[in-house]
Every structure is written in C-alpha cells, then in structure tokens.
Amino acid sequence: METEIFEHLRKAVVEYDTEGAANWAKKAVEEKINPVKALDVLAQAIRQVGDGFGRGELWLPDLVGAADAMQNAVPIIEEEVKRTGAKREFPGTVVMGTVLGDIHSIGKTMVCALLAADGFDVIDLGINVKAERFVEAVKEHKPDILAMSALLTVFVSEQKKVIKILKSEGIRDKVKIMVGGGAISEEFADSIGADGYDATAPGAVKLARKLIVK
C-alpha cells in the first residue's frame, strides 16, 4: 500500500493533478504512512519537474502546475508530521512572501515549492504582505533567509522598506535577504542592501543554498 500511495503522490505532482495530490495525501494519512517519507516523495517529484524546466524540456506552465499540485498535498501531510511528532532535518528556514500591493503569487509559489523540495522549512506569508508583517515573521520564526517577491516596479520600494525596518530594529544582520520577481534586477538588489537575487525559481534555490553557508 505504501508503494502504491507514494507512486500516486509522485504522479499527481508530475501530471499537475491538484485534486489527486490532495486526495492521495489524505490517503497517506489515513493509512498511517510515514509522513516524512511522503514529503520526500513529493519533494523528489517537484525536483524532477524543476530539473526538466532547468534543462529546457519543460515550460513555465509545467512548473506552475506541479507547484500547485504539491502545495495542495504538503499542508495535509505536514499536519500529520506535527501530530505524530515525526522529525525532519532542514538545511535552513525561509520566510517568503510577495510585498504589499502585489497580488501575484505564481513566482512565489514556485520558489516555495522548489525550496521545500530541496529540504528547506518554508514559511509562506502569502501575497500583499505588509513590511511590518515581514519583520514580525523574522522575529517570530528566526529564519536563515527572508525572501521577498515583487512582480511590478511600482511595488519594489516595499522590499527596501522591509530592510530599513530590520535595520532600525537592530536585526538586519540576523537574517540573509534574497529578492526576486519581474520588477527586480541585480543592480536594484544591490542598491537596497539585499544579500542576493536570482531571476528564476530554480536559481533561487541555488542562491538560498549559497546564502546559508556564508
């Protein structure tokens, strides 16, 4: 039964079946399958899609579909991890969100999914996140990395505002900051004092890995 459930979970992600992903996640919980192993299967599946995207064999809609499917399954299984007290090892913790005024979620969702697939503990604050909420999350979760996305140029100043508040609170040096989104460039990231920038979701994962070992 475990092997069958794992295969269905994997297929749901690589075939972008959001409903199936949730249903098989619930089935895994009902059958008392090891939730950490189930999360590993989901991670391997989204990594498979991410690798295909990186090689140019798959396209953005493929990555979005797989990320959506994974996001449907992960909360169900993570709840079981908490309930059973199962142990997971994380390379680091990332708090991520799309800045105030920006309601675009696709890029953020892909980055969150790929970071989770790479083993990171990801706290997704969602979209339209106030600067103060980012700062509160840094204080609350003490992440290794704070990641902020902005798709439109009109909203990029919010990223700068968050960094300014972190400095005024005396906690800027407690967290690495990475930024991304259609409105962001390497030059802008440098100008606001971010620690890193990447234009793609797979690239953001590699950047996160670099930042946590510095």
N, C-alpha and C. Protein backbone atom coordinates (compact mmCIF):
# COMPACT_ATOMS: atom_id res chain seq x y z
N MET A 1 0.83 -1.21 0.00
CA MET A 1 0.00 0.00 0.00
C MET A 1 0.87 1.26 0.00
N GLU A 2 1.95 1.25 0.79
CA GLU A 2 2.82 2.42 0.86
C GLU A 2 3.40 2.76 -0.51
N THR A 3 3.90 1.74 -1.20
CA THR A 3 4.49 1.97 -2.52
C THR A 3 3.46 2.53 -3.49
N GLU A 4 2.24 2.01 -3.43
CA GLU A 4 1.18 2.47 -4.32
C GLU A 4 0.84 3.94 -4.05
N ILE A 5 0.71 4.29 -2.78
CA ILE A 5 0.38 5.67 -2.41
C ILE A 5 1.50 6.61 -2.84
N PHE A 6 2.73 6.21 -2.61
CA PHE A 6 3.86 7.06 -2.99
C PHE A 6 3.88 7.29 -4.51
N GLU A 7 3.59 6.26 -5.28
CA GLU A 7 3.59 6.40 -6.73
C GLU A 7 2.47 7.34 -7.18
N HIS A 8 1.31 7.24 -6.55
CA HIS A 8 0.21 8.12 -6.91
C HIS A 8 0.51 9.57 -6.52
N LEU A 9 1.17 9.76 -5.39
CA LEU A 9 1.58 11.11 -5.00
C LEU A 9 2.55 11.70 -6.02
N ARG A 10 3.52 10.89 -6.41
CA ARG A 10 4.51 11.34 -7.38
C ARG A 10 3.84 11.71 -8.70
N LYS A 11 2.95 10.84 -9.17
CA LYS A 11 2.27 11.07 -10.44
C LYS A 11 1.39 12.31 -10.38
N ALA A 12 0.76 12.55 -9.24
CA ALA A 12 -0.12 13.71 -9.11
C ALA A 12 0.67 15.00 -9.32
N VAL A 13 1.89 15.04 -8.82
CA VAL A 13 2.72 16.24 -8.97
C VAL A 13 3.22 16.37 -10.40
N VAL A 14 3.79 15.31 -10.96
CA VAL A 14 4.38 15.42 -12.30
C VAL A 14 3.32 15.52 -13.38
N GLU A 15 2.06 15.16 -13.04
CA GLU A 15 0.97 15.30 -14.01
C GLU A 15 0.06 16.48 -13.68
N TYR A 16 0.48 17.29 -12.68
CA TYR A 16 -0.21 18.54 -12.34
C TYR A 16 -1.66 18.32 -11.89
N ASP A 17 -1.88 17.23 -11.17
CA ASP A 17 -3.21 16.85 -10.70
C ASP A 17 -3.41 17.35 -9.27
N THR A 18 -3.92 18.57 -9.14
CA THR A 18 -4.05 19.17 -7.81
C THR A 18 -5.04 18.41 -6.93
N GLU A 19 -6.15 18.00 -7.49
CA GLU A 19 -7.15 17.26 -6.71
C GLU A 19 -6.61 15.90 -6.29
N GLY A 20 -5.95 15.22 -7.23
CA GLY A 20 -5.37 13.92 -6.91
C GLY A 20 -4.29 14.01 -5.85
N ALA A 21 -3.49 15.08 -5.90
CA ALA A 21 -2.43 15.25 -4.90
C ALA A 21 -3.02 15.35 -3.50
N ALA A 22 -4.08 16.14 -3.36
CA ALA A 22 -4.72 16.28 -2.05
C ALA A 22 -5.35 14.96 -1.60
N ASN A 23 -6.01 14.27 -2.52
CA ASN A 23 -6.68 13.02 -2.17
C ASN A 23 -5.69 11.95 -1.73
N TRP A 24 -4.56 11.85 -2.44
CA TRP A 24 -3.58 10.83 -2.07
C TRP A 24 -2.80 11.22 -0.81
N ALA A 25 -2.70 12.51 -0.56
CA ALA A 25 -2.10 12.94 0.70
C ALA A 25 -3.00 12.52 1.86
N LYS A 26 -4.30 12.70 1.68
CA LYS A 26 -5.26 12.27 2.73
C LYS A 26 -5.21 10.76 2.91
N LYS A 27 -5.06 10.04 1.79
CA LYS A 27 -4.97 8.58 1.86
C LYS A 27 -3.72 8.15 2.62
N ALA A 28 -2.63 8.86 2.40
CA ALA A 28 -1.39 8.54 3.11
C ALA A 28 -1.57 8.70 4.62
N VAL A 29 -2.29 9.75 5.01
CA VAL A 29 -2.56 9.98 6.43
C VAL A 29 -3.47 8.89 6.99
N GLU A 30 -4.52 8.54 6.24
CA GLU A 30 -5.46 7.51 6.68
C GLU A 30 -4.77 6.16 6.88
N GLU A 31 -3.83 5.87 6.00
CA GLU A 31 -3.13 4.58 6.07
C GLU A 31 -1.93 4.62 7.01
N LYS A 32 -1.75 5.76 7.68
CA LYS A 32 -0.66 5.93 8.65
C LYS A 32 0.72 5.71 8.01
N ILE A 33 0.84 6.17 6.77
CA ILE A 33 2.14 6.14 6.09
C ILE A 33 3.07 7.13 6.75
N ASN A 34 4.35 6.82 6.83
CA ASN A 34 5.33 7.73 7.41
C ASN A 34 5.26 9.08 6.69
N PRO A 35 4.84 10.15 7.38
CA PRO A 35 4.64 11.43 6.70
C PRO A 35 5.93 12.05 6.17
N VAL A 36 7.03 11.79 6.83
CA VAL A 36 8.30 12.34 6.37
C VAL A 36 8.69 11.70 5.04
N LYS A 37 8.46 10.40 4.91
CA LYS A 37 8.73 9.72 3.64
C LYS A 37 7.81 10.26 2.55
N ALA A 38 6.56 10.53 2.90
CA ALA A 38 5.61 11.06 1.91
C ALA A 38 6.06 12.44 1.42
N LEU A 39 6.55 13.26 2.33
CA LEU A 39 7.06 14.58 1.93
C LEU A 39 8.28 14.44 1.04
N ASP A 40 9.10 13.44 1.32
CA ASP A 40 10.28 13.21 0.48
C ASP A 40 9.87 12.83 -0.95
N VAL A 41 8.81 12.05 -1.07
CA VAL A 41 8.32 11.66 -2.40
C VAL A 41 7.84 12.89 -3.16
N LEU A 42 7.10 13.75 -2.49
CA LEU A 42 6.63 14.99 -3.12
C LEU A 42 7.81 15.87 -3.54
N ALA A 43 8.81 15.93 -2.67
CA ALA A 43 9.99 16.73 -2.97
C ALA A 43 10.72 16.20 -4.20
N GLN A 44 10.86 14.89 -4.27
CA GLN A 44 11.52 14.29 -5.42
C GLN A 44 10.75 14.57 -6.71
N ALA A 45 9.42 14.56 -6.61
CA ALA A 45 8.59 14.79 -7.79
C ALA A 45 8.72 16.23 -8.29
N ILE A 46 8.64 17.20 -7.40
CA ILE A 46 8.75 18.59 -7.84
C ILE A 46 10.16 18.89 -8.30
N ARG A 47 11.15 18.21 -7.72
CA ARG A 47 12.53 18.39 -8.16
C ARG A 47 12.70 17.84 -9.58
N GLN A 48 12.02 16.74 -9.87
CA GLN A 48 12.06 16.16 -11.22
C GLN A 48 11.54 17.17 -12.24
N VAL A 49 10.43 17.83 -11.90
CA VAL A 49 9.86 18.83 -12.80
C VAL A 49 10.78 20.05 -12.90
N GLY A 50 11.32 20.47 -11.76
CA GLY A 50 12.23 21.61 -11.75
C GLY A 50 13.47 21.36 -12.58
N ASP A 51 14.00 20.14 -12.50
CA ASP A 51 15.18 19.79 -13.30
C ASP A 51 14.84 19.82 -14.80
N GLY A 52 13.64 19.32 -15.13
CA GLY A 52 13.22 19.34 -16.52
C GLY A 52 13.07 20.76 -17.04
N PHE A 53 12.57 21.64 -16.18
CA PHE A 53 12.44 23.05 -16.54
C PHE A 53 13.83 23.67 -16.75
N GLY A 54 14.75 23.33 -15.85
CA GLY A 54 16.10 23.87 -15.95
C GLY A 54 16.82 23.43 -17.21
N ARG A 55 16.49 22.22 -17.70
CA ARG A 55 17.12 21.70 -18.93
C ARG A 55 16.40 22.20 -20.18
N GLY A 56 15.32 22.92 -20.02
CA GLY A 56 14.57 23.41 -21.17
C GLY A 56 13.63 22.39 -21.76
N GLU A 57 13.39 21.28 -21.05
CA GLU A 57 12.49 20.24 -21.53
C GLU A 57 11.04 20.50 -21.14
N LEU A 58 10.85 21.28 -20.09
CA LEU A 58 9.52 21.65 -19.63
C LEU A 58 9.41 23.17 -19.61
N TRP A 59 8.17 23.66 -19.52
CA TRP A 59 7.93 25.09 -19.60
C TRP A 59 7.33 25.63 -18.31
N LEU A 60 7.21 26.94 -18.26
CA LEU A 60 6.70 27.59 -17.05
C LEU A 60 5.36 27.02 -16.60
N PRO A 61 4.38 26.79 -17.50
CA PRO A 61 3.11 26.21 -17.04
C PRO A 61 3.27 24.85 -16.38
N ASP A 62 4.27 24.07 -16.83
CA ASP A 62 4.54 22.78 -16.20
C ASP A 62 4.99 22.97 -14.75
N LEU A 63 5.89 23.91 -14.55
CA LEU A 63 6.41 24.18 -13.21
C LEU A 63 5.31 24.72 -12.30
N VAL A 64 4.48 25.60 -12.85
CA VAL A 64 3.37 26.16 -12.07
C VAL A 64 2.38 25.06 -11.68
N GLY A 65 2.04 24.20 -12.63
CA GLY A 65 1.09 23.13 -12.35
C GLY A 65 1.60 22.16 -11.31
N ALA A 66 2.87 21.80 -11.41
CA ALA A 66 3.46 20.89 -10.44
C ALA A 66 3.52 21.53 -9.06
N ALA A 67 3.86 22.82 -9.02
CA ALA A 67 3.93 23.52 -7.73
C ALA A 67 2.55 23.60 -7.08
N ASP A 68 1.53 23.86 -7.88
CA ASP A 68 0.17 23.92 -7.34
C ASP A 68 -0.25 22.57 -6.77
N ALA A 69 0.07 21.50 -7.49
CA ALA A 69 -0.29 20.16 -7.01
C ALA A 69 0.42 19.85 -5.70
N MET A 70 1.70 20.17 -5.64
CA MET A 70 2.46 19.93 -4.43
C MET A 70 1.90 20.74 -3.26
N GLN A 71 1.55 22.00 -3.52
CA GLN A 71 1.03 22.87 -2.47
C GLN A 71 -0.30 22.36 -1.94
N ASN A 72 -1.05 21.60 -2.73
CA ASN A 72 -2.30 21.02 -2.28
C ASN A 72 -2.09 19.84 -1.33
N ALA A 73 -0.96 19.15 -1.53
CA ALA A 73 -0.70 17.95 -0.74
C ALA A 73 0.11 18.22 0.53
N VAL A 74 1.05 19.13 0.42
CA VAL A 74 2.00 19.33 1.53
C VAL A 74 1.34 19.70 2.86
N PRO A 75 0.41 20.67 2.92
CA PRO A 75 -0.17 21.03 4.22
C PRO A 75 -0.85 19.86 4.92
N ILE A 76 -1.47 18.98 4.14
CA ILE A 76 -2.14 17.81 4.71
C ILE A 76 -1.13 16.90 5.40
N ILE A 77 -0.02 16.67 4.74
CA ILE A 77 0.99 15.76 5.29
C ILE A 77 1.79 16.44 6.40
N GLU A 78 2.04 17.74 6.26
CA GLU A 78 2.76 18.46 7.31
C GLU A 78 1.97 18.47 8.62
N GLU A 79 0.66 18.51 8.51
CA GLU A 79 -0.18 18.45 9.71
C GLU A 79 0.01 17.11 10.42
N GLU A 80 0.17 16.06 9.64
CA GLU A 80 0.42 14.74 10.21
C GLU A 80 1.81 14.67 10.83
N VAL A 81 2.77 15.35 10.23
CA VAL A 81 4.12 15.41 10.83
C VAL A 81 4.03 16.04 12.22
N LYS A 82 3.30 17.13 12.33
CA LYS A 82 3.14 17.80 13.62
C LYS A 82 2.41 16.91 14.62
N ARG A 83 1.35 16.25 14.14
CA ARG A 83 0.54 15.42 15.03
C ARG A 83 1.33 14.24 15.60
N THR A 84 2.14 13.63 14.76
CA THR A 84 2.89 12.44 15.18
C THR A 84 4.23 12.78 15.83
N GLY A 85 4.66 14.02 15.66
CA GLY A 85 5.96 14.40 16.22
C GLY A 85 7.13 13.85 15.42
N ALA A 86 6.87 13.49 14.17
CA ALA A 86 7.95 12.96 13.32
C ALA A 86 9.03 14.03 13.14
N LYS A 87 10.26 13.58 13.02
CA LYS A 87 11.39 14.50 12.92
C LYS A 87 11.82 14.70 11.47
N ARG A 88 12.08 15.97 11.12
CA ARG A 88 12.61 16.29 9.80
C ARG A 88 13.87 17.14 9.96
N GLU A 89 14.80 16.91 9.07
CA GLU A 89 16.03 17.70 9.08
C GLU A 89 15.96 18.75 7.98
N PHE A 90 16.25 20.00 8.34
CA PHE A 90 16.19 21.09 7.38
C PHE A 90 17.57 21.74 7.23
N PRO A 91 17.95 22.09 5.98
CA PRO A 91 19.20 22.84 5.82
C PRO A 91 19.06 24.26 6.32
N GLY A 92 17.81 24.75 6.37
CA GLY A 92 17.57 26.10 6.83
C GLY A 92 16.09 26.44 6.74
N THR A 93 15.74 27.59 7.30
CA THR A 93 14.35 28.06 7.29
C THR A 93 14.25 29.32 6.44
N VAL A 94 13.22 29.38 5.61
CA VAL A 94 12.99 30.54 4.74
C VAL A 94 11.60 31.10 5.00
N VAL A 95 11.53 32.39 5.28
CA VAL A 95 10.25 33.10 5.32
C VAL A 95 10.11 33.81 3.99
N MET A 96 8.96 33.62 3.32
CA MET A 96 8.80 34.23 1.99
C MET A 96 7.43 34.82 1.81
N GLY A 97 7.36 35.90 1.02
CA GLY A 97 6.08 36.49 0.69
C GLY A 97 6.22 37.48 -0.46
N THR A 98 5.08 37.85 -1.05
CA THR A 98 5.02 38.89 -2.07
C THR A 98 4.65 40.20 -1.38
N VAL A 99 5.33 41.26 -1.72
CA VAL A 99 5.24 42.51 -0.97
C VAL A 99 3.88 43.19 -1.09
N LEU A 100 3.64 44.13 -0.18
CA LEU A 100 2.40 44.89 -0.11
C LEU A 100 2.04 45.52 -1.46
N GLY A 101 0.79 45.36 -1.87
CA GLY A 101 0.31 45.93 -3.11
C GLY A 101 0.36 44.96 -4.28
N ASP A 102 1.21 43.94 -4.16
CA ASP A 102 1.39 42.97 -5.25
C ASP A 102 0.62 41.69 -4.93
N ILE A 103 -0.29 41.32 -5.80
CA ILE A 103 -1.12 40.14 -5.54
C ILE A 103 -0.73 38.96 -6.43
N HIS A 104 0.43 39.03 -7.06
CA HIS A 104 0.88 37.94 -7.92
C HIS A 104 1.51 36.83 -7.07
N SER A 105 1.10 35.61 -7.32
CA SER A 105 1.55 34.50 -6.47
C SER A 105 2.32 33.41 -7.21
N ILE A 106 2.28 33.42 -8.54
CA ILE A 106 2.86 32.30 -9.28
C ILE A 106 4.35 32.12 -8.98
N GLY A 107 5.12 33.19 -9.11
CA GLY A 107 6.55 33.08 -8.87
C GLY A 107 6.86 32.66 -7.46
N LYS A 108 6.18 33.27 -6.51
CA LYS A 108 6.39 32.94 -5.09
C LYS A 108 6.07 31.47 -4.82
N THR A 109 4.96 31.01 -5.38
CA THR A 109 4.54 29.63 -5.17
C THR A 109 5.57 28.65 -5.71
N MET A 110 6.12 28.95 -6.89
CA MET A 110 7.13 28.07 -7.48
C MET A 110 8.39 28.02 -6.63
N VAL A 111 8.83 29.20 -6.17
CA VAL A 111 10.04 29.24 -5.35
C VAL A 111 9.82 28.49 -4.04
N CYS A 112 8.66 28.70 -3.42
CA CYS A 112 8.37 27.99 -2.17
C CYS A 112 8.38 26.48 -2.37
N ALA A 113 7.76 26.04 -3.47
CA ALA A 113 7.70 24.60 -3.74
C ALA A 113 9.08 24.01 -3.98
N LEU A 114 9.91 24.71 -4.74
CA LEU A 114 11.25 24.19 -5.03
C LEU A 114 12.16 24.26 -3.80
N LEU A 115 11.99 25.28 -2.98
CA LEU A 115 12.76 25.34 -1.73
C LEU A 115 12.37 24.19 -0.82
N ALA A 116 11.08 23.92 -0.72
CA ALA A 116 10.62 22.79 0.10
C ALA A 116 11.16 21.48 -0.45
N ALA A 117 11.18 21.37 -1.78
CA ALA A 117 11.71 20.16 -2.41
C ALA A 117 13.19 19.98 -2.10
N ASP A 118 13.88 21.07 -1.90
CA ASP A 118 15.31 21.00 -1.59
C ASP A 118 15.56 20.81 -0.09
N GLY A 119 14.49 20.67 0.66
CA GLY A 119 14.63 20.36 2.08
C GLY A 119 14.43 21.51 3.04
N PHE A 120 14.25 22.72 2.53
CA PHE A 120 14.09 23.88 3.40
C PHE A 120 12.74 23.86 4.12
N ASP A 121 12.73 24.40 5.31
CA ASP A 121 11.48 24.65 6.02
C ASP A 121 10.99 26.01 5.54
N VAL A 122 9.86 26.04 4.83
CA VAL A 122 9.39 27.26 4.18
C VAL A 122 8.13 27.78 4.87
N ILE A 123 8.17 29.03 5.27
CA ILE A 123 7.01 29.70 5.86
C ILE A 123 6.52 30.71 4.84
N ASP A 124 5.40 30.41 4.21
CA ASP A 124 4.84 31.23 3.14
C ASP A 124 3.85 32.24 3.73
N LEU A 125 4.20 33.52 3.67
CA LEU A 125 3.34 34.57 4.21
C LEU A 125 2.24 34.97 3.23
N GLY A 126 2.33 34.49 2.00
CA GLY A 126 1.30 34.81 1.02
C GLY A 126 1.63 36.04 0.18
N ILE A 127 0.58 36.71 -0.28
CA ILE A 127 0.73 37.88 -1.14
C ILE A 127 0.28 39.14 -0.41
N ASN A 128 0.63 40.30 -0.97
CA ASN A 128 0.17 41.58 -0.41
C ASN A 128 0.59 41.71 1.06
N VAL A 129 1.84 41.37 1.33
CA VAL A 129 2.34 41.31 2.72
C VAL A 129 2.93 42.67 3.13
N LYS A 130 2.46 43.20 4.22
CA LYS A 130 2.97 44.46 4.73
C LYS A 130 4.41 44.31 5.22
N ALA A 131 5.17 45.40 5.14
CA ALA A 131 6.56 45.37 5.58
C ALA A 131 6.65 44.93 7.04
N GLU A 132 5.74 45.44 7.86
CA GLU A 132 5.75 45.11 9.28
C GLU A 132 5.51 43.62 9.53
N ARG A 133 4.73 42.99 8.64
CA ARG A 133 4.47 41.55 8.78
C ARG A 133 5.72 40.76 8.48
N PHE A 134 6.49 41.18 7.49
CA PHE A 134 7.76 40.51 7.21
C PHE A 134 8.67 40.58 8.45
N VAL A 135 8.73 41.76 9.04
CA VAL A 135 9.60 41.95 10.21
C VAL A 135 9.12 41.10 11.37
N GLU A 136 7.81 41.07 11.60
CA GLU A 136 7.25 40.23 12.67
C GLU A 136 7.62 38.76 12.45
N ALA A 137 7.55 38.31 11.20
CA ALA A 137 7.85 36.92 10.88
C ALA A 137 9.32 36.60 11.14
N VAL A 138 10.20 37.55 10.86
CA VAL A 138 11.62 37.35 11.14
C VAL A 138 11.83 37.19 12.65
N LYS A 139 11.16 38.01 13.42
CA LYS A 139 11.28 37.93 14.88
C LYS A 139 10.70 36.62 15.41
N GLU A 140 9.56 36.23 14.84
CA GLU A 140 8.86 35.04 15.33
C GLU A 140 9.56 33.74 14.95
N HIS A 141 9.94 33.62 13.69
CA HIS A 141 10.47 32.34 13.19
C HIS A 141 11.99 32.25 13.18
N LYS A 142 12.65 33.42 13.31
CA LYS A 142 14.12 33.45 13.28
C LYS A 142 14.67 32.65 12.10
N PRO A 143 14.24 32.99 10.88
CA PRO A 143 14.67 32.24 9.71
C PRO A 143 16.12 32.53 9.33
N ASP A 144 16.68 31.63 8.55
CA ASP A 144 18.01 31.87 7.99
C ASP A 144 17.92 32.87 6.84
N ILE A 145 16.78 32.82 6.13
CA ILE A 145 16.61 33.66 4.94
C ILE A 145 15.22 34.28 4.93
N LEU A 146 15.17 35.56 4.55
CA LEU A 146 13.91 36.24 4.26
C LEU A 146 13.89 36.47 2.75
N ALA A 147 12.86 35.96 2.07
CA ALA A 147 12.75 36.09 0.61
C ALA A 147 11.52 36.92 0.27
N MET A 148 11.72 37.94 -0.57
CA MET A 148 10.62 38.83 -0.95
C MET A 148 10.50 38.91 -2.46
N SER A 149 9.25 38.85 -2.94
CA SER A 149 8.99 38.91 -4.37
C SER A 149 8.19 40.15 -4.72
N ALA A 150 8.50 40.74 -5.88
CA ALA A 150 7.72 41.86 -6.42
C ALA A 150 7.72 41.75 -7.93
N LEU A 151 6.54 41.64 -8.51
CA LEU A 151 6.46 41.49 -9.96
C LEU A 151 6.40 42.83 -10.68
N LEU A 152 5.79 43.82 -10.03
CA LEU A 152 5.61 45.12 -10.67
C LEU A 152 6.52 46.17 -10.07
N THR A 153 7.07 47.03 -10.91
CA THR A 153 8.03 48.05 -10.50
C THR A 153 7.48 48.96 -9.41
N VAL A 154 6.20 49.27 -9.48
CA VAL A 154 5.60 50.22 -8.54
C VAL A 154 5.68 49.73 -7.09
N PHE A 155 5.89 48.42 -6.90
CA PHE A 155 5.89 47.87 -5.54
C PHE A 155 7.28 47.53 -5.00
N VAL A 156 8.33 47.72 -5.78
CA VAL A 156 9.65 47.28 -5.35
C VAL A 156 10.17 48.05 -4.13
N SER A 157 9.67 49.27 -3.92
CA SER A 157 10.14 50.06 -2.78
C SER A 157 9.81 49.39 -1.46
N GLU A 158 8.81 48.49 -1.48
CA GLU A 158 8.44 47.78 -0.25
C GLU A 158 9.58 46.90 0.26
N GLN A 159 10.35 46.33 -0.67
CA GLN A 159 11.48 45.50 -0.26
C GLN A 159 12.52 46.35 0.47
N LYS A 160 12.75 47.53 -0.05
CA LYS A 160 13.68 48.46 0.59
C LYS A 160 13.17 48.86 1.97
N LYS A 161 11.86 49.05 2.08
CA LYS A 161 11.24 49.44 3.35
C LYS A 161 11.44 48.35 4.41
N VAL A 162 11.28 47.10 4.01
CA VAL A 162 11.47 45.99 4.96
C VAL A 162 12.89 45.99 5.50
N ILE A 163 13.86 46.14 4.61
CA ILE A 163 15.26 46.14 5.04
C ILE A 163 15.54 47.32 5.97
N LYS A 164 14.95 48.46 5.67
CA LYS A 164 15.13 49.64 6.52
C LYS A 164 14.60 49.40 7.93
N ILE A 165 13.42 48.77 8.02
CA ILE A 165 12.84 48.48 9.33
C ILE A 165 13.70 47.47 10.09
N LEU A 166 14.16 46.45 9.39
CA LEU A 166 15.02 45.45 10.04
C LEU A 166 16.27 46.11 10.62
N LYS A 167 16.83 47.07 9.89
CA LYS A 167 18.00 47.79 10.39
C LYS A 167 17.64 48.61 11.62
N SER A 168 16.50 49.30 11.58
CA SER A 168 16.11 50.14 12.71
C SER A 168 15.81 49.31 13.95
N GLU A 169 15.38 48.06 13.72
CA GLU A 169 15.08 47.15 14.84
C GLU A 169 16.35 46.45 15.34
N GLY A 170 17.45 46.64 14.63
CA GLY A 170 18.71 46.03 15.04
C GLY A 170 18.83 44.55 14.73
N ILE A 171 18.04 44.06 13.77
CA ILE A 171 18.05 42.62 13.47
C ILE A 171 18.38 42.31 12.01
N ARG A 172 18.83 43.34 11.27
CA ARG A 172 19.16 43.08 9.86
C ARG A 172 20.23 42.03 9.71
N ASP A 173 21.21 42.03 10.60
CA ASP A 173 22.32 41.09 10.46
C ASP A 173 21.97 39.68 10.95
N LYS A 174 20.72 39.49 11.40
CA LYS A 174 20.30 38.18 11.89
C LYS A 174 19.74 37.30 10.78
N VAL A 175 19.53 37.86 9.59
CA VAL A 175 18.89 37.11 8.52
C VAL A 175 19.46 37.52 7.16
N LYS A 176 19.61 36.54 6.29
CA LYS A 176 20.00 36.82 4.91
C LYS A 176 18.74 37.20 4.13
N ILE A 177 18.88 38.14 3.20
CA ILE A 177 17.72 38.59 2.43
C ILE A 177 17.95 38.35 0.94
N MET A 178 17.01 37.63 0.32
CA MET A 178 17.06 37.43 -1.11
C MET A 178 15.78 37.99 -1.72
N VAL A 179 15.92 38.61 -2.89
CA VAL A 179 14.77 39.24 -3.55
C VAL A 179 14.66 38.73 -4.98
N GLY A 180 13.45 38.83 -5.52
CA GLY A 180 13.23 38.39 -6.88
C GLY A 180 11.90 38.89 -7.40
N GLY A 181 11.58 38.50 -8.62
CA GLY A 181 10.35 38.96 -9.24
C GLY A 181 10.65 39.73 -10.51
N GLY A 182 9.64 39.88 -11.35
CA GLY A 182 9.83 40.52 -12.64
C GLY A 182 10.33 41.94 -12.59
N ALA A 183 10.09 42.63 -11.46
CA ALA A 183 10.48 44.03 -11.35
C ALA A 183 11.89 44.22 -10.79
N ILE A 184 12.55 43.13 -10.43
CA ILE A 184 13.81 43.22 -9.71
C ILE A 184 14.98 42.91 -10.64
N SER A 185 16.10 43.56 -10.37
CA SER A 185 17.35 43.30 -11.10
C SER A 185 18.47 43.15 -10.09
N GLU A 186 19.60 42.67 -10.57
CA GLU A 186 20.78 42.53 -9.71
C GLU A 186 21.18 43.89 -9.15
N GLU A 187 21.12 44.91 -10.00
CA GLU A 187 21.52 46.26 -9.58
C GLU A 187 20.60 46.78 -8.48
N PHE A 188 19.29 46.55 -8.63
CA PHE A 188 18.34 47.01 -7.62
C PHE A 188 18.57 46.28 -6.30
N ALA A 189 18.78 44.96 -6.39
CA ALA A 189 19.02 44.17 -5.18
C ALA A 189 20.24 44.71 -4.42
N ASP A 190 21.29 45.02 -5.15
CA ASP A 190 22.49 45.58 -4.53
C ASP A 190 22.20 46.94 -3.91
N SER A 191 21.40 47.74 -4.60
CA SER A 191 21.15 49.11 -4.14
C SER A 191 20.37 49.17 -2.83
N ILE A 192 19.53 48.16 -2.57
CA ILE A 192 18.74 48.18 -1.33
C ILE A 192 19.40 47.38 -0.21
N GLY A 193 20.54 46.78 -0.53
CA GLY A 193 21.27 46.05 0.51
C GLY A 193 20.84 44.61 0.71
N ALA A 194 20.22 44.01 -0.32
CA ALA A 194 19.86 42.59 -0.23
C ALA A 194 21.12 41.75 -0.35
N ASP A 195 21.04 40.51 0.13
CA ASP A 195 22.20 39.62 0.07
C ASP A 195 22.28 38.84 -1.23
N GLY A 196 21.17 38.79 -1.98
CA GLY A 196 21.21 38.05 -3.23
C GLY A 196 19.96 38.21 -4.04
N TYR A 197 20.09 37.89 -5.34
CA TYR A 197 18.98 38.00 -6.28
C TYR A 197 19.14 36.92 -7.34
N ASP A 198 18.00 36.37 -7.78
CA ASP A 198 18.03 35.49 -8.94
C ASP A 198 16.72 35.64 -9.69
N ALA A 199 16.79 35.50 -11.00
CA ALA A 199 15.63 35.75 -11.85
C ALA A 199 14.71 34.55 -11.99
N THR A 200 15.16 33.35 -11.60
CA THR A 200 14.36 32.15 -11.81
C THR A 200 14.12 31.40 -10.50
N ALA A 201 13.07 30.58 -10.49
CA ALA A 201 12.76 29.79 -9.30
C ALA A 201 13.86 28.76 -8.99
N PRO A 202 14.33 27.98 -9.99
CA PRO A 202 15.43 27.05 -9.70
C PRO A 202 16.69 27.78 -9.23
N GLY A 203 16.94 28.96 -9.81
CA GLY A 203 18.10 29.74 -9.41
C GLY A 203 17.99 30.23 -7.98
N ALA A 204 16.76 30.52 -7.55
CA ALA A 204 16.54 30.99 -6.18
C ALA A 204 16.92 29.91 -5.16
N VAL A 205 16.69 28.66 -5.51
CA VAL A 205 17.06 27.56 -4.62
C VAL A 205 18.58 27.47 -4.47
N LYS A 206 19.27 27.57 -5.59
CA LYS A 206 20.74 27.53 -5.55
C LYS A 206 21.28 28.71 -4.74
N LEU A 207 20.65 29.88 -4.91
CA LEU A 207 21.06 31.06 -4.15
C LEU A 207 20.85 30.84 -2.67
N ALA A 208 19.72 30.27 -2.30
CA ALA A 208 19.43 30.01 -0.89
C ALA A 208 20.50 29.11 -0.27
N ARG A 209 20.89 28.09 -1.01
CA ARG A 209 21.93 27.18 -0.54
C ARG A 209 23.25 27.93 -0.30
N LYS A 210 23.58 28.84 -1.21
CA LYS A 210 24.81 29.62 -1.07
C LYS A 210 24.74 30.54 0.16
N LEU A 211 23.59 31.15 0.36
CA LEU A 211 23.45 32.12 1.44
C LEU A 211 23.58 31.48 2.82
N ILE A 212 23.08 30.25 2.96
CA ILE A 212 23.10 29.66 4.30
C ILE A 212 24.46 29.12 4.70
N VAL A 213 25.39 29.02 3.75
CA VAL A 213 26.72 28.53 4.11
C VAL A 213 27.71 29.67 4.26
N LYS A 214 27.26 30.90 4.02
CA LYS A 214 28.17 32.05 4.15
C LYS A 214 28.32 32.42 5.61
